[in-house]
N, C-alpha and C. Protein backbone atom coordinates (compact mmCIF):
# COMPACT_ATOMS: atom_id res chain seq x y z
N UNK A 1 69.13 -22.21 58.63
CA UNK A 1 67.97 -22.69 57.90
C UNK A 1 68.34 -24.00 57.20
N UNK A 2 67.52 -25.04 57.41
CA UNK A 2 67.81 -26.35 56.83
C UNK A 2 67.32 -26.48 55.40
N UNK A 3 67.57 -27.63 54.86
CA UNK A 3 67.12 -27.93 53.51
C UNK A 3 65.61 -28.12 53.49
N UNK A 4 64.97 -27.85 52.38
CA UNK A 4 63.52 -28.09 52.29
C UNK A 4 63.24 -29.59 52.38
N UNK A 5 62.06 -29.97 52.85
CA UNK A 5 61.74 -31.39 52.95
C UNK A 5 61.82 -32.07 51.59
N UNK A 6 62.26 -33.30 51.59
CA UNK A 6 62.35 -34.09 50.37
C UNK A 6 61.47 -35.32 50.55
N UNK A 7 60.25 -35.29 50.04
CA UNK A 7 59.31 -36.39 50.24
C UNK A 7 59.78 -37.68 49.57
N UNK A 8 60.78 -37.60 48.72
CA UNK A 8 61.31 -38.81 48.10
C UNK A 8 62.23 -39.57 49.04
N UNK A 9 62.70 -38.91 50.08
CA UNK A 9 63.59 -39.53 51.06
C UNK A 9 62.78 -40.30 52.10
N UNK A 10 63.24 -41.50 52.45
CA UNK A 10 62.56 -42.29 53.49
C UNK A 10 62.59 -41.58 54.84
N UNK A 11 63.55 -40.70 55.04
CA UNK A 11 63.68 -40.01 56.33
C UNK A 11 62.80 -38.77 56.43
N UNK A 12 62.13 -38.40 55.36
CA UNK A 12 61.30 -37.20 55.37
C UNK A 12 60.04 -37.44 56.22
N UNK A 13 59.87 -36.61 57.23
CA UNK A 13 58.73 -36.77 58.14
C UNK A 13 57.39 -36.57 57.44
N UNK A 14 57.35 -35.72 56.43
CA UNK A 14 56.08 -35.44 55.76
C UNK A 14 55.63 -36.59 54.86
N UNK A 15 56.52 -37.51 54.57
CA UNK A 15 56.19 -38.62 53.67
C UNK A 15 55.05 -39.47 54.21
N UNK A 16 55.05 -39.73 55.50
CA UNK A 16 54.00 -40.54 56.13
C UNK A 16 52.63 -39.87 55.95
N UNK A 17 52.60 -38.56 56.15
CA UNK A 17 51.32 -37.84 56.05
C UNK A 17 50.87 -37.71 54.60
N UNK A 18 51.81 -37.55 53.70
CA UNK A 18 51.47 -37.51 52.28
C UNK A 18 50.86 -38.84 51.86
N UNK A 19 51.44 -39.94 52.32
CA UNK A 19 50.89 -41.26 51.99
C UNK A 19 49.48 -41.43 52.54
N UNK A 20 49.25 -40.95 53.75
CA UNK A 20 47.91 -41.06 54.35
C UNK A 20 46.90 -40.22 53.57
N UNK A 21 47.23 -38.96 53.35
CA UNK A 21 46.30 -38.04 52.69
C UNK A 21 46.04 -38.47 51.25
N UNK A 22 47.04 -39.01 50.58
CA UNK A 22 46.90 -39.37 49.17
C UNK A 22 46.38 -40.79 48.96
N UNK A 23 46.08 -41.50 50.03
CA UNK A 23 45.57 -42.86 49.85
C UNK A 23 44.18 -42.82 49.23
N UNK A 24 43.86 -43.87 48.51
CA UNK A 24 42.57 -43.95 47.82
C UNK A 24 41.40 -43.71 48.77
N UNK A 25 41.39 -44.41 49.88
CA UNK A 25 40.24 -44.32 50.79
C UNK A 25 40.21 -42.99 51.51
N UNK A 26 41.35 -42.45 51.89
CA UNK A 26 41.36 -41.15 52.57
C UNK A 26 40.78 -40.06 51.67
N UNK A 27 41.20 -40.03 50.42
CA UNK A 27 40.69 -39.03 49.49
C UNK A 27 39.17 -39.15 49.34
N UNK A 28 38.67 -40.37 49.26
CA UNK A 28 37.24 -40.57 49.08
C UNK A 28 36.46 -40.22 50.34
N UNK A 29 37.00 -40.56 51.52
CA UNK A 29 36.32 -40.22 52.78
C UNK A 29 36.31 -38.70 52.98
N UNK A 30 37.43 -38.04 52.72
CA UNK A 30 37.47 -36.58 52.82
C UNK A 30 36.45 -35.96 51.87
N UNK A 31 36.36 -36.50 50.67
CA UNK A 31 35.39 -36.01 49.70
C UNK A 31 33.96 -36.23 50.20
N UNK A 32 33.70 -37.39 50.81
CA UNK A 32 32.36 -37.69 51.34
C UNK A 32 31.99 -36.77 52.50
N UNK A 33 32.98 -36.32 53.26
CA UNK A 33 32.72 -35.43 54.41
C UNK A 33 32.67 -33.96 53.99
N UNK A 34 32.78 -33.70 52.72
CA UNK A 34 32.81 -32.33 52.20
C UNK A 34 31.55 -31.53 52.55
N UNK A 35 30.41 -32.20 52.63
CA UNK A 35 29.15 -31.49 52.89
C UNK A 35 28.82 -31.34 54.37
N UNK A 36 29.67 -31.84 55.25
CA UNK A 36 29.41 -31.70 56.67
C UNK A 36 29.47 -33.02 57.41
N UNK A 37 29.11 -33.00 58.70
CA UNK A 37 29.20 -34.19 59.54
C UNK A 37 28.39 -35.36 58.96
N UNK A 38 28.91 -36.57 59.18
CA UNK A 38 28.23 -37.76 58.67
C UNK A 38 28.44 -38.92 59.63
N UNK A 39 27.47 -39.80 59.64
CA UNK A 39 27.56 -41.02 60.43
C UNK A 39 28.23 -42.12 59.61
N UNK A 40 28.65 -43.16 60.31
CA UNK A 40 29.35 -44.28 59.69
C UNK A 40 28.54 -44.89 58.55
N UNK A 41 27.26 -45.16 58.78
CA UNK A 41 26.43 -45.78 57.75
C UNK A 41 26.33 -44.95 56.49
N UNK A 42 26.23 -43.64 56.65
CA UNK A 42 26.18 -42.73 55.51
C UNK A 42 27.49 -42.82 54.72
N UNK A 43 28.61 -42.84 55.42
CA UNK A 43 29.91 -42.92 54.75
C UNK A 43 30.05 -44.25 54.01
N UNK A 44 29.54 -45.34 54.61
CA UNK A 44 29.58 -46.65 53.93
C UNK A 44 28.79 -46.60 52.62
N UNK A 45 27.66 -45.92 52.63
CA UNK A 45 26.85 -45.82 51.40
C UNK A 45 27.50 -44.88 50.38
N UNK A 46 28.11 -43.81 50.85
CA UNK A 46 28.71 -42.83 49.94
C UNK A 46 29.97 -43.37 49.27
N UNK A 47 30.82 -44.02 50.04
CA UNK A 47 32.11 -44.49 49.52
C UNK A 47 31.93 -45.95 49.09
N UNK A 48 31.41 -46.12 47.91
CA UNK A 48 31.12 -47.47 47.41
C UNK A 48 32.40 -48.30 47.32
N UNK A 49 32.30 -49.55 47.77
CA UNK A 49 33.41 -50.48 47.67
C UNK A 49 34.30 -50.55 48.90
N UNK A 50 34.15 -49.62 49.83
CA UNK A 50 34.98 -49.64 51.04
C UNK A 50 34.37 -50.64 52.03
N UNK A 51 35.22 -51.42 52.68
CA UNK A 51 34.74 -52.35 53.70
C UNK A 51 34.60 -51.60 55.02
N UNK A 52 33.83 -52.17 55.93
CA UNK A 52 33.67 -51.55 57.24
C UNK A 52 35.02 -51.44 57.94
N UNK A 53 35.83 -52.48 57.82
CA UNK A 53 37.15 -52.48 58.45
C UNK A 53 38.03 -51.35 57.89
N UNK A 54 38.02 -51.18 56.58
CA UNK A 54 38.86 -50.14 55.96
C UNK A 54 38.33 -48.75 56.29
N UNK A 55 37.00 -48.59 56.33
CA UNK A 55 36.43 -47.29 56.70
C UNK A 55 36.83 -46.94 58.12
N UNK A 56 36.71 -47.89 59.04
CA UNK A 56 37.08 -47.65 60.43
C UNK A 56 38.54 -47.26 60.54
N UNK A 57 39.42 -48.00 59.86
CA UNK A 57 40.85 -47.70 59.91
C UNK A 57 41.16 -46.33 59.31
N UNK A 58 40.53 -46.01 58.20
CA UNK A 58 40.75 -44.72 57.55
C UNK A 58 40.31 -43.58 58.45
N UNK A 59 39.12 -43.72 59.05
CA UNK A 59 38.63 -42.68 59.95
C UNK A 59 39.55 -42.52 61.16
N UNK A 60 40.03 -43.63 61.70
CA UNK A 60 40.96 -43.56 62.85
C UNK A 60 42.25 -42.84 62.47
N UNK A 61 42.79 -43.18 61.30
CA UNK A 61 44.03 -42.54 60.85
C UNK A 61 43.82 -41.04 60.63
N UNK A 62 42.71 -40.68 59.99
CA UNK A 62 42.43 -39.27 59.74
C UNK A 62 42.16 -38.52 61.05
N UNK A 63 41.55 -39.21 62.00
CA UNK A 63 41.32 -38.59 63.32
C UNK A 63 42.65 -38.40 64.06
N UNK A 64 43.52 -39.40 64.00
CA UNK A 64 44.81 -39.33 64.69
C UNK A 64 45.69 -38.20 64.16
N UNK A 65 45.53 -37.85 62.90
CA UNK A 65 46.33 -36.78 62.31
C UNK A 65 45.64 -35.42 62.38
N UNK A 66 44.44 -35.39 62.95
CA UNK A 66 43.76 -34.11 63.13
C UNK A 66 42.98 -33.62 61.92
N UNK A 67 42.73 -34.50 60.96
CA UNK A 67 41.99 -34.11 59.76
C UNK A 67 40.49 -34.30 59.96
N UNK A 68 40.13 -35.31 60.75
CA UNK A 68 38.73 -35.63 61.03
C UNK A 68 38.51 -35.61 62.53
N UNK A 69 37.33 -35.15 62.93
CA UNK A 69 36.94 -35.16 64.35
C UNK A 69 35.80 -36.15 64.51
N UNK A 70 35.92 -37.00 65.51
CA UNK A 70 34.88 -37.97 65.85
C UNK A 70 34.11 -37.44 67.04
N UNK A 71 32.79 -37.42 66.93
CA UNK A 71 31.97 -36.97 68.05
C UNK A 71 31.01 -38.08 68.45
N UNK A 72 31.17 -38.54 69.68
CA UNK A 72 30.28 -39.54 70.25
C UNK A 72 29.19 -38.79 71.00
N UNK A 73 27.96 -38.93 70.55
CA UNK A 73 26.84 -38.20 71.15
C UNK A 73 26.32 -38.87 72.42
N UNK A 74 26.93 -39.98 72.80
CA UNK A 74 26.62 -40.70 74.05
C UNK A 74 25.12 -40.95 74.21
N UNK A 75 24.57 -41.61 73.22
CA UNK A 75 23.16 -41.99 73.27
C UNK A 75 23.04 -43.49 73.09
N UNK A 76 21.87 -44.00 73.41
CA UNK A 76 21.56 -45.40 73.15
C UNK A 76 20.38 -45.41 72.20
N UNK A 77 20.51 -46.00 71.03
CA UNK A 77 21.70 -46.66 70.50
C UNK A 77 22.81 -45.65 70.20
N UNK A 78 24.04 -46.15 70.03
CA UNK A 78 25.17 -45.25 69.80
C UNK A 78 24.96 -44.35 68.59
N UNK A 79 25.37 -43.12 68.73
CA UNK A 79 25.28 -42.12 67.65
C UNK A 79 26.64 -41.41 67.59
N UNK A 80 27.39 -41.73 66.56
CA UNK A 80 28.72 -41.14 66.37
C UNK A 80 28.74 -40.45 65.02
N UNK A 81 29.27 -39.24 64.98
CA UNK A 81 29.42 -38.53 63.71
C UNK A 81 30.89 -38.18 63.49
N UNK A 82 31.22 -38.00 62.24
CA UNK A 82 32.57 -37.61 61.84
C UNK A 82 32.45 -36.34 61.01
N UNK A 83 33.40 -35.44 61.21
CA UNK A 83 33.42 -34.23 60.41
C UNK A 83 34.86 -33.77 60.22
N UNK A 84 35.05 -32.97 59.19
CA UNK A 84 36.37 -32.41 58.93
C UNK A 84 36.68 -31.34 59.97
N UNK A 85 37.89 -31.35 60.48
CA UNK A 85 38.37 -30.31 61.38
C UNK A 85 38.77 -29.10 60.52
N UNK A 86 39.15 -27.99 61.14
CA UNK A 86 39.67 -26.88 60.33
C UNK A 86 40.85 -27.31 59.44
N UNK A 87 41.70 -28.19 59.97
CA UNK A 87 42.81 -28.70 59.16
C UNK A 87 42.27 -29.50 57.98
N UNK A 88 41.28 -30.36 58.23
CA UNK A 88 40.66 -31.13 57.17
C UNK A 88 39.96 -30.26 56.15
N UNK A 89 39.31 -29.20 56.63
CA UNK A 89 38.63 -28.28 55.71
C UNK A 89 39.64 -27.55 54.83
N UNK A 90 40.84 -27.31 55.36
CA UNK A 90 41.86 -26.65 54.54
C UNK A 90 42.35 -27.58 53.43
N UNK A 91 42.13 -28.88 53.59
CA UNK A 91 42.52 -29.87 52.60
C UNK A 91 41.44 -30.08 51.54
N UNK A 92 40.20 -29.69 51.85
CA UNK A 92 39.06 -29.92 50.95
C UNK A 92 39.30 -29.40 49.54
N UNK A 93 39.74 -28.17 49.42
CA UNK A 93 39.92 -27.59 48.09
C UNK A 93 40.98 -28.34 47.29
N UNK A 94 41.99 -28.81 47.97
CA UNK A 94 43.03 -29.58 47.28
C UNK A 94 42.45 -30.89 46.75
N UNK A 95 41.61 -31.54 47.56
CA UNK A 95 40.97 -32.79 47.14
C UNK A 95 40.02 -32.51 45.97
N UNK A 96 39.24 -31.45 46.07
CA UNK A 96 38.33 -31.07 44.97
C UNK A 96 39.12 -30.85 43.68
N UNK A 97 40.25 -30.16 43.80
CA UNK A 97 41.08 -29.88 42.62
C UNK A 97 41.60 -31.17 42.01
N UNK A 98 42.03 -32.09 42.85
CA UNK A 98 42.54 -33.37 42.35
C UNK A 98 41.43 -34.17 41.66
N UNK A 99 40.25 -34.21 42.27
CA UNK A 99 39.11 -34.91 41.66
C UNK A 99 38.77 -34.27 40.31
N UNK A 100 38.73 -32.95 40.26
CA UNK A 100 38.41 -32.25 39.01
C UNK A 100 39.47 -32.54 37.94
N UNK A 101 40.74 -32.58 38.34
CA UNK A 101 41.81 -32.86 37.39
C UNK A 101 41.64 -34.26 36.81
N UNK A 102 41.41 -35.25 37.68
CA UNK A 102 41.23 -36.63 37.22
C UNK A 102 40.03 -36.72 36.28
N UNK A 103 38.90 -36.14 36.68
CA UNK A 103 37.70 -36.20 35.85
C UNK A 103 37.90 -35.48 34.52
N UNK A 104 38.65 -34.41 34.51
CA UNK A 104 38.91 -33.67 33.29
C UNK A 104 39.90 -34.34 32.35
N UNK A 105 40.65 -35.30 32.87
CA UNK A 105 41.67 -35.96 32.06
C UNK A 105 41.41 -37.46 31.87
N UNK A 106 40.18 -37.90 32.11
CA UNK A 106 39.87 -39.33 32.00
C UNK A 106 40.28 -39.92 30.65
N UNK A 107 39.94 -39.31 29.52
CA UNK A 107 40.34 -39.91 28.24
C UNK A 107 41.87 -40.04 28.12
N UNK A 108 42.60 -39.02 28.52
CA UNK A 108 44.06 -39.05 28.43
C UNK A 108 44.66 -40.09 29.38
N UNK A 109 43.96 -40.38 30.46
CA UNK A 109 44.43 -41.37 31.43
C UNK A 109 44.06 -42.79 31.01
N UNK A 110 43.35 -42.91 29.90
CA UNK A 110 42.98 -44.23 29.40
C UNK A 110 41.61 -44.69 29.86
N UNK A 111 40.86 -43.80 30.48
CA UNK A 111 39.53 -44.16 30.95
C UNK A 111 38.47 -43.49 30.11
N UNK A 112 37.24 -43.84 30.41
CA UNK A 112 36.12 -43.19 29.73
C UNK A 112 35.69 -41.98 30.56
N UNK A 113 34.61 -41.36 30.16
CA UNK A 113 34.09 -40.23 30.93
C UNK A 113 33.68 -40.72 32.31
N UNK A 114 33.83 -39.87 33.34
CA UNK A 114 33.44 -40.29 34.69
C UNK A 114 31.95 -40.59 34.75
N UNK A 115 31.60 -41.58 35.56
CA UNK A 115 30.19 -41.93 35.75
C UNK A 115 29.49 -40.83 36.52
N UNK A 116 28.28 -40.57 36.14
CA UNK A 116 27.46 -39.59 36.85
C UNK A 116 26.58 -40.33 37.84
N UNK A 117 26.28 -39.70 38.99
CA UNK A 117 25.44 -40.38 39.98
C UNK A 117 24.05 -40.66 39.45
C-alpha cells in the first residue's frame, strides 16, 4: 500500500483535477448546471462576467474530465445542451457546501453580505 496522495506535491496526479474543479469558472458553471441541462446562452446569462471563450474552455475541460456531458441535438439551427454527469452530480453537494460557507463567512472574509438576485 502506497502513501496517500499529497496534493501539495507537483507530482500528485490529483492536483490537476483539484485545480480544474476549484477554479472560479468551473465552480460557477457547475453551480449554474445544478438545476439540470442548459444551453450555452443560458449559461452565459447565469454566469455573469464570463466570456464566451472562457465558458467554452471551461465546458470543454469539464467534459474532458467527465463532469459535464455535452449533447448535440443535431438540429438546424444548432441545439447543444450541457448537463452534469453522475460524477458531476456527486460534486454538486460539495460545491453547494463551499458556496454556503463563503456566503456565511462574508463579513469575516472582508466582504459585505452576498448580493441577492
